[in-house]
């Protein structure tokens, strides 16, 4: 991909990462912080996928496999974080 082709993806990825960082820093609620952390991960996956494309050699399958693995790990980490948030709320915490 030429820089003109992956520039919109890079802009969207930067926006996702920036909004996620903003939410992670400013939001006091645990559920919103978990969502912000997922936004950061999605932005990183988008940026990595856009930068891995090449017009001369075709698409490399290794970055695609790494992105899919990262999505699965992020899903598992989100499920764990939500489970811990629910347990925290049941024990008398204020969040969720």
N, C-alpha and C. Protein backbone atom coordinates (compact mmCIF):
# COMPACT_ATOMS: atom_id res chain seq x y z
N UNK A 1 0.84 -1.18 0.00
CA UNK A 1 0.00 0.00 0.00
C UNK A 1 0.88 1.24 0.00
N UNK A 2 0.47 2.20 -0.75
CA UNK A 2 1.18 3.47 -0.74
C UNK A 2 0.73 4.27 0.48
N UNK A 3 1.52 5.27 0.89
CA UNK A 3 1.13 6.06 2.05
C UNK A 3 -0.23 6.73 1.91
N UNK A 4 -0.62 7.04 0.69
CA UNK A 4 -1.93 7.66 0.49
C UNK A 4 -3.05 6.67 0.80
N UNK A 5 -2.82 5.38 0.53
CA UNK A 5 -3.84 4.37 0.76
C UNK A 5 -3.99 4.02 2.24
N UNK A 6 -2.88 3.96 3.00
CA UNK A 6 -3.00 3.59 4.40
C UNK A 6 -3.12 4.79 5.33
N UNK A 7 -3.05 6.00 4.81
CA UNK A 7 -3.18 7.19 5.66
C UNK A 7 -4.55 7.28 6.35
N UNK A 8 -5.68 7.01 5.67
CA UNK A 8 -6.96 7.05 6.41
C UNK A 8 -7.03 6.02 7.54
N UNK A 9 -6.44 4.85 7.31
CA UNK A 9 -6.41 3.85 8.38
C UNK A 9 -5.56 4.33 9.55
N UNK A 10 -4.44 4.97 9.24
CA UNK A 10 -3.57 5.48 10.30
C UNK A 10 -4.26 6.60 11.08
N UNK A 11 -5.01 7.44 10.40
CA UNK A 11 -5.72 8.52 11.08
C UNK A 11 -6.80 7.95 12.00
N UNK A 12 -7.55 6.97 11.51
CA UNK A 12 -8.59 6.34 12.34
C UNK A 12 -7.97 5.59 13.52
N UNK A 13 -6.85 4.91 13.29
CA UNK A 13 -6.19 4.20 14.38
C UNK A 13 -5.67 5.18 15.43
N UNK A 14 -5.10 6.29 14.98
CA UNK A 14 -4.62 7.30 15.92
C UNK A 14 -5.77 7.89 16.72
N UNK A 15 -6.90 8.11 16.07
CA UNK A 15 -8.07 8.64 16.78
C UNK A 15 -8.57 7.64 17.82
N UNK A 16 -8.61 6.36 17.46
CA UNK A 16 -9.04 5.34 18.42
C UNK A 16 -8.09 5.26 19.62
N UNK A 17 -6.80 5.29 19.34
CA UNK A 17 -5.83 5.23 20.43
C UNK A 17 -5.92 6.47 21.30
N UNK A 18 -6.05 7.63 20.68
CA UNK A 18 -6.16 8.87 21.45
C UNK A 18 -7.42 8.93 22.30
N UNK A 19 -8.56 8.54 21.72
CA UNK A 19 -9.80 8.52 22.50
C UNK A 19 -9.75 7.49 23.62
N UNK A 20 -9.12 6.37 23.35
CA UNK A 20 -8.97 5.35 24.39
C UNK A 20 -8.09 5.83 25.53
N UNK A 21 -6.99 6.50 25.20
CA UNK A 21 -6.13 7.04 26.26
C UNK A 21 -6.84 8.12 27.06
N UNK A 22 -7.60 8.96 26.37
CA UNK A 22 -8.36 10.00 27.05
C UNK A 22 -9.38 9.38 28.01
N UNK A 23 -10.08 8.37 27.54
CA UNK A 23 -11.06 7.70 28.39
C UNK A 23 -10.41 6.97 29.55
N UNK A 24 -9.25 6.38 29.31
CA UNK A 24 -8.55 5.66 30.37
C UNK A 24 -8.09 6.60 31.47
N UNK A 25 -7.69 7.81 31.08
CA UNK A 25 -7.19 8.77 32.06
C UNK A 25 -8.32 9.49 32.79
N UNK A 26 -9.38 9.85 32.07
CA UNK A 26 -10.39 10.73 32.66
C UNK A 26 -11.58 10.02 33.27
N UNK A 27 -11.87 8.80 32.90
CA UNK A 27 -13.09 8.14 33.38
C UNK A 27 -12.86 7.45 34.72
N UNK A 28 -13.68 7.77 35.72
CA UNK A 28 -13.52 7.12 37.02
C UNK A 28 -14.21 5.75 37.10
N UNK A 29 -15.19 5.50 36.24
CA UNK A 29 -15.93 4.24 36.31
C UNK A 29 -15.14 3.10 35.66
N UNK A 30 -15.18 1.96 36.32
CA UNK A 30 -14.39 0.82 35.89
C UNK A 30 -14.82 0.29 34.52
N UNK A 31 -16.12 0.22 34.28
CA UNK A 31 -16.61 -0.29 33.01
C UNK A 31 -16.17 0.59 31.84
N UNK A 32 -16.22 1.88 32.02
CA UNK A 32 -15.77 2.79 30.96
C UNK A 32 -14.27 2.70 30.73
N UNK A 33 -13.52 2.42 31.77
CA UNK A 33 -12.07 2.25 31.60
C UNK A 33 -11.76 0.96 30.83
N UNK A 34 -12.55 -0.08 31.06
CA UNK A 34 -12.38 -1.32 30.30
C UNK A 34 -12.68 -1.08 28.82
N UNK A 35 -13.74 -0.34 28.54
CA UNK A 35 -14.08 0.00 27.15
C UNK A 35 -12.98 0.84 26.52
N UNK A 36 -12.43 1.80 27.27
CA UNK A 36 -11.35 2.64 26.74
C UNK A 36 -10.11 1.80 26.43
N UNK A 37 -9.82 0.83 27.29
CA UNK A 37 -8.67 -0.05 27.05
C UNK A 37 -8.88 -0.87 25.78
N UNK A 38 -10.11 -1.31 25.53
CA UNK A 38 -10.42 -2.04 24.29
C UNK A 38 -10.29 -1.15 23.07
N UNK A 39 -10.63 0.13 23.20
CA UNK A 39 -10.46 1.06 22.08
C UNK A 39 -8.99 1.22 21.72
N UNK A 40 -8.13 1.27 22.72
CA UNK A 40 -6.69 1.37 22.45
C UNK A 40 -6.22 0.13 21.68
N UNK A 41 -6.64 -1.04 22.13
CA UNK A 41 -6.26 -2.27 21.44
C UNK A 41 -6.77 -2.33 20.01
N UNK A 42 -7.99 -1.88 19.78
CA UNK A 42 -8.54 -1.87 18.43
C UNK A 42 -7.77 -0.92 17.52
N UNK A 43 -7.37 0.22 18.05
CA UNK A 43 -6.56 1.15 17.27
C UNK A 43 -5.21 0.57 16.90
N UNK A 44 -4.61 -0.14 17.83
CA UNK A 44 -3.31 -0.76 17.55
C UNK A 44 -3.45 -1.86 16.51
N UNK A 45 -4.50 -2.66 16.62
CA UNK A 45 -4.73 -3.71 15.61
C UNK A 45 -4.97 -3.11 14.23
N UNK A 46 -5.74 -2.03 14.16
CA UNK A 46 -6.01 -1.37 12.88
C UNK A 46 -4.73 -0.81 12.28
N UNK A 47 -3.92 -0.17 13.08
CA UNK A 47 -2.67 0.41 12.59
C UNK A 47 -1.71 -0.69 12.12
N UNK A 48 -1.60 -1.75 12.89
CA UNK A 48 -0.70 -2.84 12.52
C UNK A 48 -1.17 -3.52 11.23
N UNK A 49 -2.46 -3.71 11.08
CA UNK A 49 -2.99 -4.32 9.86
C UNK A 49 -2.80 -3.45 8.64
N UNK A 50 -2.95 -2.14 8.80
CA UNK A 50 -2.78 -1.23 7.67
C UNK A 50 -1.32 -1.13 7.25
N UNK A 51 -0.43 -1.13 8.20
CA UNK A 51 0.99 -1.00 7.87
C UNK A 51 1.61 -2.30 7.36
N UNK A 52 0.94 -3.42 7.58
CA UNK A 52 1.52 -4.69 7.15
C UNK A 52 1.26 -4.99 5.67
N UNK A 53 0.36 -4.26 5.05
CA UNK A 53 0.05 -4.50 3.63
C UNK A 53 1.17 -3.96 2.75
N UNK A 54 1.47 -4.69 1.69
CA UNK A 54 2.51 -4.29 0.76
C UNK A 54 1.98 -4.47 -0.66
N UNK A 55 2.26 -3.50 -1.52
CA UNK A 55 1.75 -3.61 -2.89
C UNK A 55 2.66 -4.45 -3.77
N UNK A 56 3.92 -4.63 -3.42
CA UNK A 56 4.82 -5.39 -4.27
C UNK A 56 4.80 -6.88 -3.93
N UNK A 57 4.83 -7.21 -2.67
CA UNK A 57 4.94 -8.61 -2.28
C UNK A 57 3.60 -9.24 -1.91
N UNK A 58 2.55 -8.50 -1.95
CA UNK A 58 1.27 -9.04 -1.50
C UNK A 58 1.13 -8.90 0.00
N UNK A 59 0.11 -9.49 0.53
CA UNK A 59 -0.14 -9.38 1.96
C UNK A 59 0.56 -10.52 2.69
N UNK A 60 1.28 -10.17 3.73
CA UNK A 60 2.00 -11.14 4.54
C UNK A 60 1.02 -11.78 5.52
N UNK A 61 0.96 -13.11 5.60
CA UNK A 61 0.00 -13.74 6.51
C UNK A 61 0.40 -13.69 7.98
N UNK A 62 1.67 -13.44 8.28
CA UNK A 62 2.11 -13.44 9.67
C UNK A 62 1.48 -12.29 10.47
N UNK A 63 1.49 -11.04 9.98
CA UNK A 63 0.81 -10.00 10.75
C UNK A 63 -0.69 -10.24 10.90
N UNK A 64 -1.31 -10.82 9.88
CA UNK A 64 -2.74 -11.13 9.99
C UNK A 64 -2.99 -12.16 11.09
N UNK A 65 -2.13 -13.16 11.17
CA UNK A 65 -2.27 -14.17 12.22
C UNK A 65 -2.03 -13.56 13.60
N UNK A 66 -1.07 -12.63 13.67
CA UNK A 66 -0.81 -11.96 14.95
C UNK A 66 -1.99 -11.10 15.38
N UNK A 67 -2.63 -10.44 14.43
CA UNK A 67 -3.79 -9.61 14.74
C UNK A 67 -4.95 -10.47 15.22
N UNK A 68 -5.20 -11.59 14.56
CA UNK A 68 -6.28 -12.47 14.98
C UNK A 68 -6.00 -13.03 16.37
N UNK A 69 -4.76 -13.41 16.63
CA UNK A 69 -4.39 -13.89 17.96
C UNK A 69 -4.56 -12.80 19.00
N UNK A 70 -4.17 -11.58 18.65
CA UNK A 70 -4.34 -10.46 19.57
C UNK A 70 -5.79 -10.16 19.88
N UNK A 71 -6.65 -10.31 18.88
CA UNK A 71 -8.09 -10.09 19.10
C UNK A 71 -8.63 -11.14 20.07
N UNK A 72 -8.22 -12.38 19.91
CA UNK A 72 -8.68 -13.45 20.80
C UNK A 72 -8.18 -13.20 22.23
N UNK A 73 -6.93 -12.80 22.37
CA UNK A 73 -6.39 -12.51 23.69
C UNK A 73 -7.09 -11.30 24.31
N UNK A 74 -7.37 -10.28 23.51
CA UNK A 74 -8.08 -9.10 24.01
C UNK A 74 -9.49 -9.46 24.46
N UNK A 75 -10.15 -10.34 23.72
CA UNK A 75 -11.49 -10.78 24.10
C UNK A 75 -11.44 -11.53 25.44
N UNK A 76 -10.45 -12.39 25.60
CA UNK A 76 -10.32 -13.13 26.85
C UNK A 76 -10.00 -12.20 28.02
N UNK A 77 -9.13 -11.23 27.79
CA UNK A 77 -8.79 -10.28 28.85
C UNK A 77 -9.98 -9.41 29.21
N UNK A 78 -10.79 -9.05 28.22
CA UNK A 78 -12.00 -8.26 28.50
C UNK A 78 -12.99 -9.07 29.31
N UNK A 79 -13.17 -10.34 28.97
CA UNK A 79 -14.08 -11.19 29.73
C UNK A 79 -13.60 -11.34 31.17
N UNK A 80 -12.31 -11.49 31.36
CA UNK A 80 -11.75 -11.59 32.71
C UNK A 80 -11.95 -10.28 33.47
N UNK A 81 -11.69 -9.15 32.82
CA UNK A 81 -11.86 -7.85 33.48
C UNK A 81 -13.31 -7.60 33.85
N UNK A 82 -14.24 -7.96 32.98
CA UNK A 82 -15.65 -7.79 33.30
C UNK A 82 -16.08 -8.71 34.44
N UNK A 83 -15.57 -9.91 34.46
CA UNK A 83 -15.86 -10.82 35.57
C UNK A 83 -15.34 -10.29 36.89
N UNK A 84 -14.13 -9.74 36.87
CA UNK A 84 -13.57 -9.15 38.09
C UNK A 84 -14.36 -7.91 38.51
N UNK A 85 -14.84 -7.14 37.55
CA UNK A 85 -15.64 -5.95 37.87
C UNK A 85 -16.96 -6.35 38.52
N UNK A 86 -17.58 -7.41 38.01
CA UNK A 86 -18.83 -7.88 38.61
C UNK A 86 -18.58 -8.42 40.02
N UNK A 87 -17.49 -9.16 40.20
CA UNK A 87 -17.16 -9.66 41.54
C UNK A 87 -16.88 -8.51 42.50
N UNK A 88 -16.22 -7.49 42.02
CA UNK A 88 -15.95 -6.31 42.85
C UNK A 88 -17.25 -5.61 43.24
N UNK A 89 -18.19 -5.53 42.31
CA UNK A 89 -19.48 -4.89 42.60
C UNK A 89 -20.28 -5.72 43.60
N UNK A 90 -20.19 -7.03 43.51
CA UNK A 90 -20.93 -7.89 44.45
C UNK A 90 -20.36 -7.81 45.87
N UNK A 91 -19.07 -7.56 45.97
CA UNK A 91 -18.44 -7.48 47.28
C UNK A 91 -18.65 -6.14 47.96
N UNK A 92 -19.38 -5.26 47.32
CA UNK A 92 -19.68 -3.99 47.96
C UNK A 92 -18.98 -2.81 47.33
N UNK A 93 -18.34 -3.02 46.19
CA UNK A 93 -17.70 -1.91 45.50
C UNK A 93 -18.74 -1.02 44.84
N UNK A 94 -18.34 0.16 44.44
CA UNK A 94 -19.28 1.11 43.87
C UNK A 94 -19.51 0.90 42.38
N UNK A 95 -18.52 0.45 41.65
CA UNK A 95 -18.64 0.36 40.20
C UNK A 95 -19.54 -0.78 39.76
N UNK A 96 -19.83 -0.86 38.46
CA UNK A 96 -20.90 -1.52 37.72
C UNK A 96 -22.10 -1.74 38.54
